[in-house]
Amino acid sequence: MSLWSAIVVIVLIIAVTQMMRARHNASAGFATDKDGQPIARQGSGEEEQLRAEIAELKERVRVLERIATDERQKLGLAEEIELLRDR
């Protein structure tokens, strides 16, 4: 193998490695600009879905706290749970 063939092979290996690394980083959510500086990630659909789920769980906790601490005697606990379930 001549010197120039070795140089071409080394350059190809480096280029393929950088492309694979860039593809992996993009799929993991990391991005960089032309200078290699990290840039802010854009929100993914999964992130928004998780935020919505957290909001729903917080609402459920509020309802459970209200049931546990509310001292209403008009409705029994089972009836109030059924009313909340119907909403």
N, C-alpha and C. Protein backbone atom coordinates (compact mmCIF):
# COMPACT_ATOMS: atom_id res chain seq x y z
N MET A 1 0.85 -1.17 0.00
CA MET A 1 0.00 0.00 0.00
C MET A 1 0.89 1.23 0.00
N SER A 2 0.60 2.14 -0.89
CA SER A 2 1.42 3.34 -0.99
C SER A 2 1.01 4.34 0.08
N LEU A 3 1.81 5.37 0.23
CA LEU A 3 1.55 6.42 1.22
C LEU A 3 0.23 7.12 0.93
N TRP A 4 -0.06 7.40 -0.33
CA TRP A 4 -1.29 8.12 -0.68
C TRP A 4 -2.52 7.25 -0.46
N SER A 5 -2.41 5.97 -0.71
CA SER A 5 -3.53 5.06 -0.44
C SER A 5 -3.83 5.02 1.05
N ALA A 6 -2.79 4.98 1.88
CA ALA A 6 -2.98 4.98 3.32
C ALA A 6 -3.64 6.27 3.79
N ILE A 7 -3.24 7.38 3.23
CA ILE A 7 -3.84 8.68 3.60
C ILE A 7 -5.32 8.70 3.23
N VAL A 8 -5.66 8.21 2.04
CA VAL A 8 -7.05 8.19 1.61
C VAL A 8 -7.87 7.29 2.53
N VAL A 9 -7.35 6.13 2.91
CA VAL A 9 -8.06 5.21 3.79
C VAL A 9 -8.28 5.86 5.16
N ILE A 10 -7.27 6.53 5.69
CA ILE A 10 -7.39 7.19 6.99
C ILE A 10 -8.44 8.29 6.94
N VAL A 11 -8.44 9.09 5.88
CA VAL A 11 -9.42 10.15 5.73
C VAL A 11 -10.83 9.56 5.64
N LEU A 12 -11.01 8.49 4.89
CA LEU A 12 -12.31 7.83 4.79
C LEU A 12 -12.78 7.30 6.15
N ILE A 13 -11.88 6.70 6.90
CA ILE A 13 -12.24 6.19 8.22
C ILE A 13 -12.70 7.33 9.13
N ILE A 14 -11.98 8.43 9.11
CA ILE A 14 -12.34 9.59 9.94
C ILE A 14 -13.69 10.16 9.51
N ALA A 15 -13.91 10.28 8.22
CA ALA A 15 -15.18 10.83 7.73
C ALA A 15 -16.36 9.94 8.11
N VAL A 16 -16.22 8.64 7.94
CA VAL A 16 -17.31 7.71 8.29
C VAL A 16 -17.56 7.74 9.79
N THR A 17 -16.51 7.79 10.58
CA THR A 17 -16.67 7.84 12.04
C THR A 17 -17.40 9.11 12.46
N GLN A 18 -17.06 10.25 11.88
CA GLN A 18 -17.74 11.51 12.22
C GLN A 18 -19.20 11.48 11.81
N MET A 19 -19.51 10.89 10.66
CA MET A 19 -20.91 10.80 10.23
C MET A 19 -21.70 9.90 11.17
N MET A 20 -21.11 8.79 11.59
CA MET A 20 -21.81 7.90 12.52
C MET A 20 -22.03 8.58 13.87
N ARG A 21 -21.04 9.31 14.32
CA ARG A 21 -21.17 10.03 15.60
C ARG A 21 -22.23 11.11 15.51
N ALA A 22 -22.26 11.83 14.41
CA ALA A 22 -23.27 12.88 14.23
C ALA A 22 -24.68 12.28 14.18
N ARG A 23 -24.84 11.16 13.50
CA ARG A 23 -26.15 10.49 13.43
C ARG A 23 -26.58 10.03 14.82
N HIS A 24 -25.66 9.46 15.58
CA HIS A 24 -25.98 9.00 16.93
C HIS A 24 -26.36 10.18 17.83
N ASN A 25 -25.59 11.26 17.77
CA ASN A 25 -25.89 12.44 18.58
C ASN A 25 -27.24 13.04 18.21
N ALA A 26 -27.56 13.05 16.94
CA ALA A 26 -28.85 13.60 16.51
C ALA A 26 -30.00 12.74 17.02
N SER A 27 -29.84 11.44 17.00
CA SER A 27 -30.92 10.57 17.49
C SER A 27 -31.03 10.64 19.00
N ALA A 28 -29.94 10.98 19.70
CA ALA A 28 -29.97 11.11 21.16
C ALA A 28 -30.43 12.50 21.59
N GLY A 29 -30.58 13.42 20.64
CA GLY A 29 -31.08 14.75 20.97
C GLY A 29 -30.01 15.81 21.15
N PHE A 30 -28.77 15.49 20.85
CA PHE A 30 -27.70 16.47 20.94
C PHE A 30 -27.46 17.07 19.57
N ALA A 31 -27.25 18.36 19.53
CA ALA A 31 -27.00 19.00 18.25
C ALA A 31 -25.91 20.06 18.42
N THR A 32 -25.17 20.32 17.35
CA THR A 32 -24.14 21.35 17.38
C THR A 32 -24.25 22.19 16.12
N ASP A 33 -23.72 23.42 16.21
CA ASP A 33 -23.72 24.28 15.03
C ASP A 33 -22.45 24.02 14.21
N LYS A 34 -22.18 24.88 13.23
CA LYS A 34 -21.02 24.67 12.35
C LYS A 34 -19.70 24.68 13.11
N ASP A 35 -19.65 25.48 14.19
CA ASP A 35 -18.41 25.60 14.96
C ASP A 35 -18.25 24.52 16.02
N GLY A 36 -19.24 23.63 16.13
CA GLY A 36 -19.16 22.57 17.12
C GLY A 36 -19.73 22.95 18.48
N GLN A 37 -20.33 24.14 18.56
CA GLN A 37 -20.93 24.58 19.82
C GLN A 37 -22.29 23.93 20.00
N PRO A 38 -22.62 23.46 21.21
CA PRO A 38 -23.93 22.85 21.42
C PRO A 38 -25.05 23.87 21.27
N ILE A 39 -26.14 23.44 20.68
CA ILE A 39 -27.30 24.32 20.53
C ILE A 39 -28.47 23.71 21.27
N ALA A 40 -29.45 24.56 21.57
CA ALA A 40 -30.60 24.11 22.35
C ALA A 40 -31.40 23.09 21.56
N ARG A 41 -31.86 22.09 22.27
CA ARG A 41 -32.69 21.07 21.66
C ARG A 41 -34.09 21.59 21.45
N GLN A 42 -34.70 21.15 20.42
CA GLN A 42 -36.10 21.48 20.20
C GLN A 42 -36.92 20.43 20.89
N GLY A 43 -38.05 20.84 21.47
CA GLY A 43 -38.90 19.92 22.20
C GLY A 43 -39.41 18.80 21.31
N SER A 44 -39.32 17.62 21.81
CA SER A 44 -39.81 16.48 21.03
C SER A 44 -41.24 16.19 21.44
N GLY A 45 -41.91 15.40 20.66
CA GLY A 45 -43.28 15.03 20.96
C GLY A 45 -43.35 14.25 22.26
N GLU A 46 -42.34 13.45 22.54
CA GLU A 46 -42.33 12.66 23.77
C GLU A 46 -42.24 13.58 24.99
N GLU A 47 -41.45 14.63 24.87
CA GLU A 47 -41.31 15.58 25.98
C GLU A 47 -42.64 16.26 26.29
N GLU A 48 -43.36 16.65 25.26
CA GLU A 48 -44.66 17.28 25.45
C GLU A 48 -45.65 16.29 26.04
N GLN A 49 -45.57 15.05 25.61
CA GLN A 49 -46.45 14.01 26.14
C GLN A 49 -46.18 13.79 27.63
N LEU A 50 -44.92 13.79 28.02
CA LEU A 50 -44.57 13.62 29.42
C LEU A 50 -45.05 14.80 30.25
N ARG A 51 -44.94 16.01 29.71
CA ARG A 51 -45.44 17.19 30.43
C ARG A 51 -46.94 17.09 30.65
N ALA A 52 -47.67 16.64 29.64
CA ALA A 52 -49.12 16.50 29.77
C ALA A 52 -49.46 15.44 30.82
N GLU A 53 -48.70 14.37 30.83
CA GLU A 53 -48.95 13.30 31.80
C GLU A 53 -48.67 13.80 33.22
N ILE A 54 -47.62 14.58 33.40
CA ILE A 54 -47.32 15.14 34.72
C ILE A 54 -48.44 16.06 35.18
N ALA A 55 -48.95 16.89 34.27
CA ALA A 55 -50.05 17.78 34.63
C ALA A 55 -51.28 16.98 35.06
N GLU A 56 -51.56 15.90 34.34
CA GLU A 56 -52.70 15.04 34.68
C GLU A 56 -52.51 14.40 36.05
N LEU A 57 -51.30 13.94 36.33
CA LEU A 57 -51.03 13.32 37.63
C LEU A 57 -51.13 14.33 38.77
N LYS A 58 -50.69 15.56 38.53
CA LYS A 58 -50.83 16.60 39.55
C LYS A 58 -52.29 16.87 39.86
N GLU A 59 -53.12 16.87 38.82
CA GLU A 59 -54.55 17.08 39.04
C GLU A 59 -55.13 15.93 39.85
N ARG A 60 -54.73 14.72 39.57
CA ARG A 60 -55.21 13.57 40.34
C ARG A 60 -54.81 13.68 41.81
N VAL A 61 -53.56 14.12 42.06
CA VAL A 61 -53.11 14.29 43.44
C VAL A 61 -53.95 15.35 44.14
N ARG A 62 -54.27 16.45 43.45
CA ARG A 62 -55.12 17.49 44.05
C ARG A 62 -56.47 16.91 44.45
N VAL A 63 -57.06 16.10 43.57
CA VAL A 63 -58.36 15.50 43.87
C VAL A 63 -58.24 14.57 45.07
N LEU A 64 -57.20 13.75 45.12
CA LEU A 64 -57.03 12.84 46.24
C LEU A 64 -56.81 13.60 47.55
N GLU A 65 -56.06 14.70 47.50
CA GLU A 65 -55.86 15.51 48.69
C GLU A 65 -57.19 16.11 49.15
N ARG A 66 -57.98 16.54 48.20
CA ARG A 66 -59.28 17.13 48.56
C ARG A 66 -60.18 16.08 49.20
N ILE A 67 -60.18 14.88 48.66
CA ILE A 67 -60.99 13.81 49.22
C ILE A 67 -60.51 13.46 50.64
N ALA A 68 -59.20 13.40 50.82
CA ALA A 68 -58.66 12.99 52.12
C ALA A 68 -58.84 14.06 53.18
N THR A 69 -58.82 15.34 52.82
CA THR A 69 -58.86 16.40 53.83
C THR A 69 -60.21 17.09 53.94
N ASP A 70 -61.08 16.89 52.97
CA ASP A 70 -62.38 17.55 53.00
C ASP A 70 -63.26 16.90 54.07
N GLU A 71 -63.92 17.71 54.86
CA GLU A 71 -64.72 17.17 55.96
C GLU A 71 -66.21 17.28 55.66
N ARG A 72 -66.58 17.02 54.45
CA ARG A 72 -67.99 17.05 54.10
C ARG A 72 -68.66 15.80 54.64
N GLN A 73 -69.79 15.97 55.25
CA GLN A 73 -70.52 14.83 55.79
C GLN A 73 -71.71 14.46 54.93
N LYS A 74 -72.04 15.31 53.93
CA LYS A 74 -73.22 15.03 53.10
C LYS A 74 -73.03 13.78 52.26
N LEU A 75 -71.89 13.65 51.64
CA LEU A 75 -71.64 12.51 50.76
C LEU A 75 -70.64 11.56 51.41
N GLY A 76 -70.89 10.30 51.23
CA GLY A 76 -69.92 9.31 51.70
C GLY A 76 -68.72 9.30 50.76
N LEU A 77 -67.64 8.74 51.23
CA LEU A 77 -66.41 8.71 50.43
C LEU A 77 -66.63 7.95 49.12
N ALA A 78 -67.32 6.84 49.14
CA ALA A 78 -67.55 6.05 47.93
C ALA A 78 -68.38 6.83 46.92
N GLU A 79 -69.40 7.56 47.40
CA GLU A 79 -70.23 8.35 46.49
C GLU A 79 -69.44 9.47 45.85
N GLU A 80 -68.57 10.12 46.62
CA GLU A 80 -67.77 11.21 46.06
C GLU A 80 -66.78 10.71 45.03
N ILE A 81 -66.19 9.55 45.28
CA ILE A 81 -65.29 8.97 44.30
C ILE A 81 -66.03 8.66 43.01
N GLU A 82 -67.22 8.14 43.12
CA GLU A 82 -68.01 7.85 41.93
C GLU A 82 -68.37 9.13 41.18
N LEU A 83 -68.68 10.20 41.90
CA LEU A 83 -68.98 11.47 41.24
C LEU A 83 -67.76 12.00 40.49
N LEU A 84 -66.60 11.89 41.10
CA LEU A 84 -65.37 12.35 40.45
C LEU A 84 -65.05 11.48 39.24
N ARG A 85 -65.33 10.21 39.32
CA ARG A 85 -65.06 9.29 38.22
C ARG A 85 -65.94 9.61 37.02
N ASP A 86 -67.17 10.07 37.29
CA ASP A 86 -68.12 10.38 36.21
C ASP A 86 -67.71 11.62 35.42
N ARG A 87 -66.88 12.49 35.99
CA ARG A 87 -66.50 13.74 35.30
C ARG A 87 -65.78 13.51 34.03
